């Protein structure tokens, strides 16, 4: 992995953890795009020391209420206490609980789940990170990798794919045009309860992204 280009690393991370981000969005109403962008930024595509040694992909510190395992790491100050998780999925769930249980983030949950820009700016204003360009960096990740397409998943409704009267099911003239996640939904090939199919459809999105923009993100 160390020899892989940045574009491959970020897309590999998205493919690996997109289903977990979607699960968190459905349960806690946090945009999947924002969840993944934060994880990518905070964990450096899962390759940071904190991520590797403690499965902490969101840089969450201990705080008073934390009663689980911990790890000490230098951050804003020396020897700061960070949370340590048994697995990465626990890190994702704790991140959702961290945001949804604190009053300073309450205003975020009044925002539309599709307004990723407002969520990113709100996280910065609420004090999630001290990095000066935190919101802009998250937005850049989301837009470069089209993660915003995942945020429409919560509103998808089942469609009968056997209805051949749906125009979108007809063959397309340009077979090289590529498809996005929303294309699958519009054609009736994506169901609300078929999360695995949604994740597999990311392969097409990622292949297209690499061709269009090999240098997706530094």
Protein backbone atom coordinates (compact mmCIF):
# COMPACT_ATOMS: atom_id res chain seq x y z
CA UNK A 1 0.00 0.00 0.00
CA UNK A 2 2.87 2.37 0.70
CA UNK A 3 3.87 2.23 -2.97
CA UNK A 4 0.38 2.99 -4.28
CA UNK A 5 -0.45 6.44 -5.68
CA UNK A 6 -2.68 8.73 -3.56
CA UNK A 7 -5.64 8.37 -5.95
CA UNK A 8 -5.66 4.60 -5.55
CA UNK A 9 -5.36 4.78 -1.77
CA UNK A 10 -8.32 7.09 -1.33
CA UNK A 11 -10.54 5.11 -3.69
CA UNK A 12 -9.52 1.87 -2.04
CA UNK A 13 -10.52 3.35 1.32
CA UNK A 14 -13.89 4.47 -0.05
CA UNK A 15 -14.61 1.04 -1.51
CA UNK A 16 -13.68 -0.66 1.76
CA UNK A 17 -15.69 1.51 4.15
CA UNK A 18 -18.52 3.02 2.08
CA UNK A 19 -21.02 0.40 3.26
CA UNK A 20 -20.24 1.22 6.90
CA UNK A 21 -20.65 4.95 6.21
CA UNK A 22 -24.02 4.24 4.62
CA UNK A 23 -25.11 2.21 7.63
CA UNK A 24 -24.18 5.10 9.91
CA UNK A 25 -26.05 7.60 7.73
CA UNK A 26 -29.25 5.56 7.78
CA UNK A 27 -29.15 5.11 11.57
CA UNK A 28 -27.75 8.46 12.77
CA UNK A 29 -28.67 10.83 9.89
CA UNK A 30 -25.13 12.01 9.24
CA UNK A 31 -24.21 12.36 5.54
CA UNK A 32 -22.19 9.37 4.35
CA UNK A 33 -20.06 11.75 2.29
CA UNK A 34 -19.06 13.71 5.38
CA UNK A 35 -18.40 10.56 7.40
CA UNK A 36 -16.05 9.19 4.76
CA UNK A 37 -14.37 12.53 4.12
CA UNK A 38 -13.63 12.92 7.84
CA UNK A 39 -12.31 9.37 8.08
CA UNK A 40 -10.12 9.84 5.01
CA UNK A 41 -8.74 13.13 6.30
CA UNK A 42 -8.27 12.13 9.94
CA UNK A 43 -6.82 8.66 9.26
CA UNK A 44 -4.90 9.53 6.09
CA UNK A 45 -6.75 6.85 4.15
CA UNK A 46 -6.44 4.48 7.09
CA UNK A 47 -2.65 4.70 7.18
CA UNK A 48 -2.08 7.00 10.16
CA UNK A 49 -0.41 5.59 13.27
CA UNK A 50 -3.58 6.22 15.27
CA UNK A 51 -5.68 4.30 12.75
CA UNK A 52 -3.30 1.36 12.53
CA UNK A 53 -2.58 0.98 16.24
CA UNK A 54 -5.98 1.81 17.73
CA UNK A 55 -8.53 1.59 14.85
CA UNK A 56 -9.32 5.25 15.53
CA UNK A 57 -10.24 6.66 12.10
CA UNK A 58 -11.73 9.96 13.30
CA UNK A 59 -9.10 11.29 15.69
CA UNK A 60 -11.51 11.26 18.65
CA UNK A 61 -9.84 12.00 21.96
CA UNK A 62 -10.72 10.32 25.25
CA UNK A 63 -12.80 12.97 27.04
CA UNK A 64 -14.19 12.33 30.51
CA UNK A 65 -16.92 9.89 29.63
CA UNK A 66 -14.68 7.44 27.76
CA UNK A 67 -14.23 4.20 29.69
CA UNK A 68 -12.67 2.08 26.97
CA UNK A 69 -9.08 1.42 25.96
CA UNK A 70 -6.82 4.38 25.21
CA UNK A 71 -3.61 5.25 23.42
CA UNK A 72 -1.30 8.22 24.01
CA UNK A 73 -0.18 10.33 21.06
CA UNK A 74 1.20 13.82 20.47
CA UNK A 75 -1.33 16.14 18.84
CA UNK A 76 -2.10 19.77 19.70
CA UNK A 77 -0.19 19.14 22.92
CA UNK A 78 2.16 16.40 24.08
CA UNK A 79 0.90 13.00 25.23
CA UNK A 80 -2.79 13.44 24.47
CA UNK A 81 -5.25 10.62 25.17
CA UNK A 82 -7.08 9.08 22.22
CA UNK A 83 -9.73 6.40 22.11
CA UNK A 84 -8.80 2.87 21.07
CA UNK A 85 -11.30 0.51 19.44
CA UNK A 86 -11.51 -3.25 19.00
CA UNK A 87 -12.35 -2.82 15.31
CA UNK A 88 -12.83 -0.06 12.75
CA UNK A 89 -16.61 -0.43 12.71
CA UNK A 90 -16.64 0.55 16.39
CA UNK A 91 -14.75 3.70 15.48
CA UNK A 92 -17.42 4.62 12.91
CA UNK A 93 -20.23 4.01 15.40
CA UNK A 94 -18.51 5.97 18.15
CA UNK A 95 -17.99 8.86 15.74
CA UNK A 96 -21.73 8.92 15.03
CA UNK A 97 -22.55 8.79 18.74
CA UNK A 98 -19.96 11.48 19.44
CA UNK A 99 -21.70 13.89 17.06
CA UNK A 100 -25.30 12.96 17.83
CA UNK A 101 -24.95 13.06 21.62
CA UNK A 102 -23.28 16.47 22.02
CA UNK A 103 -25.25 19.70 22.15
CA UNK A 104 -22.60 21.67 20.28
CA UNK A 105 -23.28 19.57 17.18
CA UNK A 106 -27.08 19.64 17.52
CA UNK A 107 -27.52 22.33 14.86
CA UNK A 108 -25.90 20.06 12.28
CA UNK A 109 -28.80 17.63 12.50
CA UNK A 110 -31.19 20.38 11.45
CA UNK A 111 -29.38 20.62 8.10
CA UNK A 112 -30.47 18.65 5.02
CA UNK A 113 -28.56 15.40 4.83
CA UNK A 114 -27.61 16.28 1.25
CA UNK A 115 -26.04 19.64 2.18
CA UNK A 116 -22.50 18.33 2.70
CA UNK A 117 -20.97 21.81 2.47
CA UNK A 118 -23.03 23.09 5.38
CA UNK A 119 -22.18 19.98 7.40
CA UNK A 120 -18.45 20.42 6.78
CA UNK A 121 -18.53 24.10 7.69
CA UNK A 122 -20.67 23.33 10.73
CA UNK A 123 -18.20 20.75 11.99
CA UNK A 124 -15.42 23.30 11.83
CA UNK A 125 -17.49 26.02 13.52
CA UNK A 126 -18.55 23.57 16.24
CA UNK A 127 -14.92 22.89 17.08
CA UNK A 128 -14.47 19.35 15.79
CA UNK A 129 -10.98 20.19 14.50
CA UNK A 130 -8.49 23.02 14.98
CA UNK A 131 -7.09 22.77 11.43
CA UNK A 132 -7.77 26.14 9.79
CA UNK A 133 -8.95 24.78 6.43
CA UNK A 134 -10.73 21.72 7.84
CA UNK A 135 -14.08 22.43 6.16
CA UNK A 136 -12.50 23.22 2.80
CA UNK A 137 -10.37 20.07 2.92
CA UNK A 138 -13.42 17.89 3.60
CA UNK A 139 -15.39 19.54 0.81
CA UNK A 140 -12.46 19.01 -1.57
CA UNK A 141 -12.36 15.30 -0.77
CA UNK A 142 -16.12 14.96 -1.27
CA UNK A 143 -16.17 16.79 -4.58
CA UNK A 144 -13.05 15.21 -6.04
CA UNK A 145 -14.37 11.70 -5.36
CA UNK A 146 -18.10 12.48 -5.85
CA UNK A 147 -18.95 11.16 -2.41
CA UNK A 148 -22.02 13.40 -2.41
CA UNK A 149 -23.73 10.79 -4.57
CA UNK A 150 -23.90 8.52 -1.54
CA UNK A 151 -26.01 11.01 0.40
CA UNK A 152 -29.06 10.37 -1.77
CA UNK A 153 -29.20 6.76 -0.66
CA UNK A 154 -31.43 7.42 2.35
CA UNK A 155 -34.21 8.72 0.14
CA UNK A 156 -34.19 5.88 -2.38
CA UNK A 157 -37.41 3.93 -2.77
CA UNK A 158 -37.80 0.44 -4.25
CA UNK A 159 -38.69 0.23 -7.94
CA UNK A 160 -40.02 -2.77 -9.84
CA UNK A 161 -37.17 -3.61 -12.20
CA UNK A 162 -39.42 -5.99 -14.15
CA UNK A 163 -41.43 -3.05 -15.49
CA UNK A 164 -40.08 -2.85 -19.03
CA UNK A 165 -42.02 0.36 -19.66
CA UNK A 166 -39.41 2.31 -17.72
CA UNK A 167 -37.45 4.22 -20.43
CA UNK A 168 -34.26 4.16 -18.40
CA UNK A 169 -34.11 0.38 -18.71
CA UNK A 170 -33.62 0.61 -22.47
CA UNK A 171 -30.06 0.14 -23.83
CA UNK A 172 -27.99 3.30 -23.97
CA UNK A 173 -26.40 4.45 -27.20
CA UNK A 174 -23.09 5.46 -25.67
CA UNK A 175 -21.82 2.43 -23.78
CA UNK A 176 -18.66 4.27 -22.74
CA UNK A 177 -20.54 7.02 -20.93
CA UNK A 178 -20.24 5.29 -17.55
CA UNK A 179 -22.74 5.23 -14.71
CA UNK A 180 -23.03 6.89 -11.33
CA UNK A 181 -24.75 5.52 -8.24
CA UNK A 182 -27.82 7.61 -9.01
CA UNK A 183 -27.95 6.16 -12.52
CA UNK A 184 -28.48 2.74 -10.97
CA UNK A 185 -31.35 4.10 -8.91
CA UNK A 186 -33.02 5.86 -11.82
CA UNK A 187 -32.86 2.71 -13.92
CA UNK A 188 -34.55 0.74 -11.15
CA UNK A 189 -31.57 -1.49 -10.46
CA UNK A 190 -30.94 -0.18 -6.96
CA UNK A 191 -33.12 -1.14 -4.01
CA UNK A 192 -33.20 0.40 -0.57
CA UNK A 193 -32.34 -2.87 1.13
CA UNK A 194 -29.62 -3.96 -1.30
CA UNK A 195 -26.63 -2.26 0.29
CA UNK A 196 -24.15 -4.73 -1.13
CA UNK A 197 -25.24 -3.91 -4.65
CA UNK A 198 -24.84 -0.22 -3.91
CA UNK A 199 -21.30 -0.73 -2.72
CA UNK A 200 -20.36 -2.86 -5.72
CA UNK A 201 -21.69 -0.15 -8.01
CA UNK A 202 -18.95 2.10 -6.63
CA UNK A 203 -16.46 0.16 -8.75
CA UNK A 204 -17.78 1.83 -11.90
CA UNK A 205 -17.68 5.24 -10.26
CA UNK A 206 -14.10 4.76 -9.12
CA UNK A 207 -12.88 3.49 -12.48
CA UNK A 208 -14.40 6.52 -14.18
CA UNK A 209 -12.86 8.85 -11.61
CA UNK A 210 -9.36 7.51 -12.17
CA UNK A 211 -9.68 7.94 -15.93
CA UNK A 212 -11.07 11.48 -15.67
CA UNK A 213 -8.76 12.72 -12.94
CA UNK A 214 -5.74 10.49 -12.10
CA UNK A 215 -4.63 12.98 -9.44
CA UNK A 216 -7.87 12.93 -7.47
CA UNK A 217 -6.37 14.27 -4.28
CA UNK A 218 -2.95 14.99 -2.85
